[in-house]
Amino acid sequence: MDFTTIATLRKYLSIKHSLPGRIRIKFSAGIMKDPEALKLAQSPPDMPDAVKEAKVNIFSRTLLLEYDADLVSPDLLEELITTEDDHRAAEIVETIHDTIFA
């Protein structure tokens, strides 16, 4: 799961716990019916180098991301998950990618 995917699926996501460099994201059961999520289950995208580890726990319906907080702003990542504005989500993804790939 990359940051664009997080933006696409954010309506199913909520933040369970967050510290700079580590965020646990809860996903609702509804994600399992989303065609985009089903495609991801079959062929997950590569995470950028700024993400050190991504672990999915199907039983607790959580995704744990460990990331470089110097490259990915914790505040922006949280806003990406919580914003309801598609335009803002796209801006955040672009900002994160510009920082990572600069």
N, C-alpha and C. Protein backbone atom coordinates (compact mmCIF):
# COMPACT_ATOMS: atom_id res chain seq x y z
N MET A 1 0.85 -1.18 0.00
CA MET A 1 0.00 0.00 0.00
C MET A 1 0.89 1.24 0.00
N ASP A 2 0.69 2.11 -0.97
CA ASP A 2 1.45 3.34 -1.03
C ASP A 2 0.55 4.50 -0.61
N PHE A 3 1.07 5.71 -0.64
CA PHE A 3 0.31 6.86 -0.14
C PHE A 3 -0.89 7.20 -1.03
N THR A 4 -0.77 6.94 -2.33
CA THR A 4 -1.91 7.15 -3.23
C THR A 4 -3.03 6.18 -2.88
N THR A 5 -2.66 4.95 -2.58
CA THR A 5 -3.64 3.95 -2.19
C THR A 5 -4.31 4.32 -0.89
N ILE A 6 -3.54 4.81 0.06
CA ILE A 6 -4.12 5.27 1.33
C ILE A 6 -5.15 6.36 1.05
N ALA A 7 -4.82 7.28 0.17
CA ALA A 7 -5.76 8.35 -0.17
C ALA A 7 -7.03 7.78 -0.81
N THR A 8 -6.88 6.83 -1.69
CA THR A 8 -8.02 6.24 -2.38
C THR A 8 -8.95 5.49 -1.43
N LEU A 9 -8.37 4.80 -0.47
CA LEU A 9 -9.15 3.95 0.44
C LEU A 9 -9.44 4.60 1.79
N ARG A 10 -9.15 5.87 1.94
CA ARG A 10 -9.22 6.51 3.25
C ARG A 10 -10.60 6.49 3.89
N LYS A 11 -11.67 6.36 3.09
CA LYS A 11 -13.02 6.32 3.67
C LYS A 11 -13.21 5.09 4.56
N TYR A 12 -12.35 4.09 4.41
CA TYR A 12 -12.41 2.88 5.22
C TYR A 12 -11.43 2.92 6.40
N LEU A 13 -10.64 3.97 6.48
CA LEU A 13 -9.52 4.01 7.43
C LEU A 13 -9.77 4.96 8.59
N SER A 14 -9.20 4.61 9.73
CA SER A 14 -9.16 5.50 10.88
C SER A 14 -7.85 5.25 11.61
N ILE A 15 -7.42 6.25 12.34
CA ILE A 15 -6.16 6.13 13.07
C ILE A 15 -6.45 5.53 14.44
N LYS A 16 -5.78 4.43 14.71
CA LYS A 16 -5.94 3.77 16.01
C LYS A 16 -4.90 4.30 16.99
N HIS A 17 -3.68 4.53 16.47
CA HIS A 17 -2.58 4.99 17.32
C HIS A 17 -1.52 5.60 16.42
N SER A 18 -0.90 6.68 16.88
CA SER A 18 0.11 7.33 16.06
C SER A 18 1.20 7.95 16.90
N LEU A 19 2.42 7.68 16.51
CA LEU A 19 3.63 8.31 17.04
C LEU A 19 4.47 8.69 15.83
N PRO A 20 5.29 9.71 15.91
CA PRO A 20 6.16 10.01 14.77
C PRO A 20 6.97 8.78 14.37
N GLY A 21 6.82 8.37 13.13
CA GLY A 21 7.55 7.20 12.63
C GLY A 21 6.78 5.90 12.70
N ARG A 22 5.59 5.93 13.30
CA ARG A 22 4.82 4.70 13.47
C ARG A 22 3.34 5.05 13.58
N ILE A 23 2.53 4.42 12.76
CA ILE A 23 1.09 4.67 12.82
C ILE A 23 0.35 3.34 12.62
N ARG A 24 -0.64 3.13 13.45
CA ARG A 24 -1.50 1.96 13.31
C ARG A 24 -2.84 2.46 12.78
N ILE A 25 -3.22 1.92 11.63
CA ILE A 25 -4.42 2.33 10.92
C ILE A 25 -5.43 1.20 10.98
N LYS A 26 -6.62 1.51 11.44
CA LYS A 26 -7.72 0.55 11.50
C LYS A 26 -8.51 0.65 10.20
N PHE A 27 -8.90 -0.48 9.62
CA PHE A 27 -9.73 -0.43 8.44
C PHE A 27 -11.04 -1.16 8.69
N SER A 28 -12.11 -0.59 8.16
CA SER A 28 -13.44 -1.17 8.35
C SER A 28 -13.61 -2.40 7.47
N ALA A 29 -14.56 -3.24 7.84
CA ALA A 29 -14.82 -4.46 7.08
C ALA A 29 -15.29 -4.14 5.66
N GLY A 30 -15.87 -2.96 5.46
CA GLY A 30 -16.35 -2.56 4.14
C GLY A 30 -15.26 -2.52 3.08
N ILE A 31 -14.02 -2.40 3.51
CA ILE A 31 -12.90 -2.34 2.56
C ILE A 31 -12.82 -3.62 1.74
N MET A 32 -13.30 -4.73 2.30
CA MET A 32 -13.20 -6.02 1.62
C MET A 32 -14.11 -6.11 0.40
N LYS A 33 -15.06 -5.18 0.28
CA LYS A 33 -15.97 -5.18 -0.87
C LYS A 33 -15.55 -4.16 -1.93
N ASP A 34 -14.55 -3.36 -1.62
CA ASP A 34 -14.11 -2.33 -2.55
C ASP A 34 -13.23 -2.96 -3.64
N PRO A 35 -13.58 -2.76 -4.92
CA PRO A 35 -12.79 -3.36 -6.00
C PRO A 35 -11.31 -2.96 -5.97
N GLU A 36 -11.02 -1.71 -5.60
CA GLU A 36 -9.62 -1.26 -5.52
C GLU A 36 -8.86 -2.03 -4.44
N ALA A 37 -9.49 -2.25 -3.31
CA ALA A 37 -8.85 -2.99 -2.22
C ALA A 37 -8.64 -4.45 -2.61
N LEU A 38 -9.59 -5.02 -3.33
CA LEU A 38 -9.45 -6.41 -3.76
C LEU A 38 -8.28 -6.57 -4.74
N LYS A 39 -8.10 -5.58 -5.62
CA LYS A 39 -6.95 -5.62 -6.53
C LYS A 39 -5.64 -5.55 -5.74
N LEU A 40 -5.64 -4.72 -4.69
CA LEU A 40 -4.43 -4.59 -3.87
C LEU A 40 -4.07 -5.87 -3.16
N ALA A 41 -5.08 -6.60 -2.72
CA ALA A 41 -4.83 -7.86 -2.03
C ALA A 41 -4.12 -8.85 -2.95
N GLN A 42 -4.42 -8.78 -4.25
CA GLN A 42 -3.80 -9.69 -5.21
C GLN A 42 -2.42 -9.22 -5.65
N SER A 43 -2.21 -7.90 -5.69
CA SER A 43 -0.94 -7.36 -6.17
C SER A 43 -0.64 -6.05 -5.44
N PRO A 44 -0.12 -6.14 -4.21
CA PRO A 44 0.16 -4.93 -3.46
C PRO A 44 1.26 -4.09 -4.10
N PRO A 45 1.09 -2.75 -4.10
CA PRO A 45 2.12 -1.89 -4.68
C PRO A 45 3.34 -1.82 -3.77
N ASP A 46 4.46 -1.46 -4.35
CA ASP A 46 5.68 -1.27 -3.57
C ASP A 46 5.54 0.00 -2.74
N MET A 47 6.05 -0.06 -1.52
CA MET A 47 6.09 1.12 -0.66
C MET A 47 7.36 1.88 -0.96
N PRO A 48 7.32 3.21 -0.86
CA PRO A 48 8.55 3.98 -1.05
C PRO A 48 9.54 3.67 0.07
N ASP A 49 10.81 4.01 -0.18
CA ASP A 49 11.87 3.74 0.80
C ASP A 49 11.61 4.42 2.14
N ALA A 50 10.82 5.46 2.17
CA ALA A 50 10.52 6.16 3.43
C ALA A 50 9.71 5.29 4.37
N VAL A 51 9.06 4.25 3.84
CA VAL A 51 8.31 3.32 4.68
C VAL A 51 9.22 2.14 4.97
N LYS A 52 9.53 1.98 6.25
CA LYS A 52 10.46 0.93 6.66
C LYS A 52 9.78 -0.42 6.72
N GLU A 53 8.51 -0.42 7.15
CA GLU A 53 7.79 -1.68 7.28
C GLU A 53 6.29 -1.42 7.22
N ALA A 54 5.58 -2.35 6.61
CA ALA A 54 4.12 -2.30 6.56
C ALA A 54 3.60 -3.69 6.90
N LYS A 55 2.83 -3.78 7.96
CA LYS A 55 2.29 -5.07 8.40
C LYS A 55 0.78 -4.98 8.47
N VAL A 56 0.12 -5.93 7.83
CA VAL A 56 -1.33 -6.00 7.89
C VAL A 56 -1.71 -7.14 8.83
N ASN A 57 -2.64 -6.84 9.73
CA ASN A 57 -3.19 -7.87 10.61
C ASN A 57 -4.68 -7.98 10.26
N ILE A 58 -5.02 -9.04 9.54
CA ILE A 58 -6.40 -9.23 9.08
C ILE A 58 -7.35 -9.41 10.26
N PHE A 59 -6.90 -10.11 11.31
CA PHE A 59 -7.79 -10.41 12.43
C PHE A 59 -8.19 -9.15 13.21
N SER A 60 -7.25 -8.22 13.39
CA SER A 60 -7.58 -6.98 14.10
C SER A 60 -7.96 -5.87 13.12
N ARG A 61 -7.87 -6.17 11.81
CA ARG A 61 -8.16 -5.20 10.74
C ARG A 61 -7.34 -3.94 10.92
N THR A 62 -6.01 -4.13 11.05
CA THR A 62 -5.12 -2.99 11.19
C THR A 62 -3.95 -3.09 10.22
N LEU A 63 -3.42 -1.92 9.91
CA LEU A 63 -2.20 -1.79 9.13
C LEU A 63 -1.23 -0.99 9.97
N LEU A 64 -0.07 -1.55 10.24
CA LEU A 64 0.97 -0.85 10.97
C LEU A 64 2.02 -0.38 9.98
N LEU A 65 2.23 0.93 9.93
CA LEU A 65 3.27 1.50 9.08
C LEU A 65 4.37 2.07 9.96
N GLU A 66 5.59 1.65 9.72
CA GLU A 66 6.76 2.26 10.33
C GLU A 66 7.45 3.02 9.20
N TYR A 67 7.67 4.30 9.42
CA TYR A 67 8.16 5.17 8.35
C TYR A 67 9.18 6.16 8.89
N ASP A 68 9.90 6.77 7.98
CA ASP A 68 10.91 7.78 8.32
C ASP A 68 10.18 9.11 8.53
N ALA A 69 10.06 9.53 9.78
CA ALA A 69 9.33 10.76 10.11
C ALA A 69 10.05 12.02 9.61
N ASP A 70 11.31 11.88 9.21
CA ASP A 70 12.01 13.02 8.62
C ASP A 70 11.61 13.23 7.16
N LEU A 71 11.13 12.16 6.52
CA LEU A 71 10.70 12.25 5.13
C LEU A 71 9.18 12.36 4.97
N VAL A 72 8.47 11.75 5.89
CA VAL A 72 7.01 11.77 5.85
C VAL A 72 6.53 12.47 7.12
N SER A 73 5.93 13.61 6.95
CA SER A 73 5.43 14.37 8.09
C SER A 73 4.31 13.60 8.77
N PRO A 74 4.45 13.31 10.07
CA PRO A 74 3.37 12.63 10.79
C PRO A 74 2.04 13.38 10.71
N ASP A 75 2.09 14.70 10.77
CA ASP A 75 0.86 15.48 10.69
C ASP A 75 0.19 15.34 9.32
N LEU A 76 1.00 15.35 8.27
CA LEU A 76 0.43 15.19 6.92
C LEU A 76 -0.14 13.79 6.72
N LEU A 77 0.55 12.78 7.24
CA LEU A 77 0.06 11.42 7.12
C LEU A 77 -1.29 11.26 7.83
N GLU A 78 -1.38 11.82 9.02
CA GLU A 78 -2.65 11.76 9.76
C GLU A 78 -3.75 12.51 9.00
N GLU A 79 -3.40 13.67 8.45
CA GLU A 79 -4.39 14.43 7.70
C GLU A 79 -4.83 13.68 6.44
N LEU A 80 -3.90 13.00 5.81
CA LEU A 80 -4.24 12.21 4.62
C LEU A 80 -5.32 11.18 4.95
N ILE A 81 -5.22 10.56 6.09
CA ILE A 81 -6.17 9.53 6.48
C ILE A 81 -7.51 10.12 6.91
N THR A 82 -7.47 11.28 7.52
CA THR A 82 -8.70 11.84 8.11
C THR A 82 -9.44 12.83 7.23
N THR A 83 -8.80 13.39 6.21
CA THR A 83 -9.49 14.40 5.40
C THR A 83 -10.62 13.78 4.59
N GLU A 84 -11.68 14.52 4.45
CA GLU A 84 -12.79 14.09 3.60
C GLU A 84 -12.74 14.78 2.24
N ASP A 85 -11.78 15.65 2.06
CA ASP A 85 -11.64 16.44 0.84
C ASP A 85 -10.69 15.73 -0.13
N ASP A 86 -11.23 15.28 -1.27
CA ASP A 86 -10.41 14.57 -2.26
C ASP A 86 -9.27 15.43 -2.80
N HIS A 87 -9.55 16.70 -3.03
CA HIS A 87 -8.52 17.61 -3.54
C HIS A 87 -7.38 17.74 -2.52
N ARG A 88 -7.72 17.89 -1.25
CA ARG A 88 -6.70 18.00 -0.21
C ARG A 88 -5.90 16.70 -0.11
N ALA A 89 -6.55 15.57 -0.21
CA ALA A 89 -5.85 14.29 -0.16
C ALA A 89 -4.83 14.19 -1.30
N ALA A 90 -5.22 14.62 -2.49
CA ALA A 90 -4.30 14.60 -3.64
C ALA A 90 -3.11 15.53 -3.40
N GLU A 91 -3.36 16.71 -2.82
CA GLU A 91 -2.27 17.64 -2.49
C GLU A 91 -1.30 17.02 -1.49
N ILE A 92 -1.84 16.34 -0.48
CA ILE A 92 -0.99 15.72 0.55
C ILE A 92 -0.12 14.63 -0.08
N VAL A 93 -0.71 13.80 -0.91
CA VAL A 93 0.07 12.74 -1.57
C VAL A 93 1.19 13.36 -2.40
N GLU A 94 0.87 14.41 -3.14
CA GLU A 94 1.89 15.07 -3.95
C GLU A 94 3.00 15.66 -3.08
N THR A 95 2.64 16.28 -1.97
CA THR A 95 3.64 16.84 -1.05
C THR A 95 4.53 15.76 -0.47
N ILE A 96 3.93 14.65 -0.04
CA ILE A 96 4.71 13.55 0.52
C ILE A 96 5.64 12.98 -0.54
N HIS A 97 5.14 12.75 -1.74
CA HIS A 97 5.98 12.19 -2.81
C HIS A 97 7.10 13.15 -3.20
N ASP A 98 6.80 14.45 -3.25
CA ASP A 98 7.84 15.44 -3.57
C ASP A 98 8.95 15.41 -2.54
N THR A 99 8.59 15.25 -1.29
CA THR A 99 9.59 15.21 -0.21
C THR A 99 10.43 13.92 -0.29
N ILE A 100 9.77 12.81 -0.50
CA ILE A 100 10.46 11.51 -0.54
C ILE A 100 11.40 11.42 -1.74
N PHE A 101 10.93 11.87 -2.89
CA PHE A 101 11.68 11.69 -4.13
C PHE A 101 12.46 12.92 -4.55
N ALA A 102 12.64 13.87 -3.64
CA ALA A 102 13.39 15.09 -3.96
C ALA A 102 14.86 14.83 -4.13
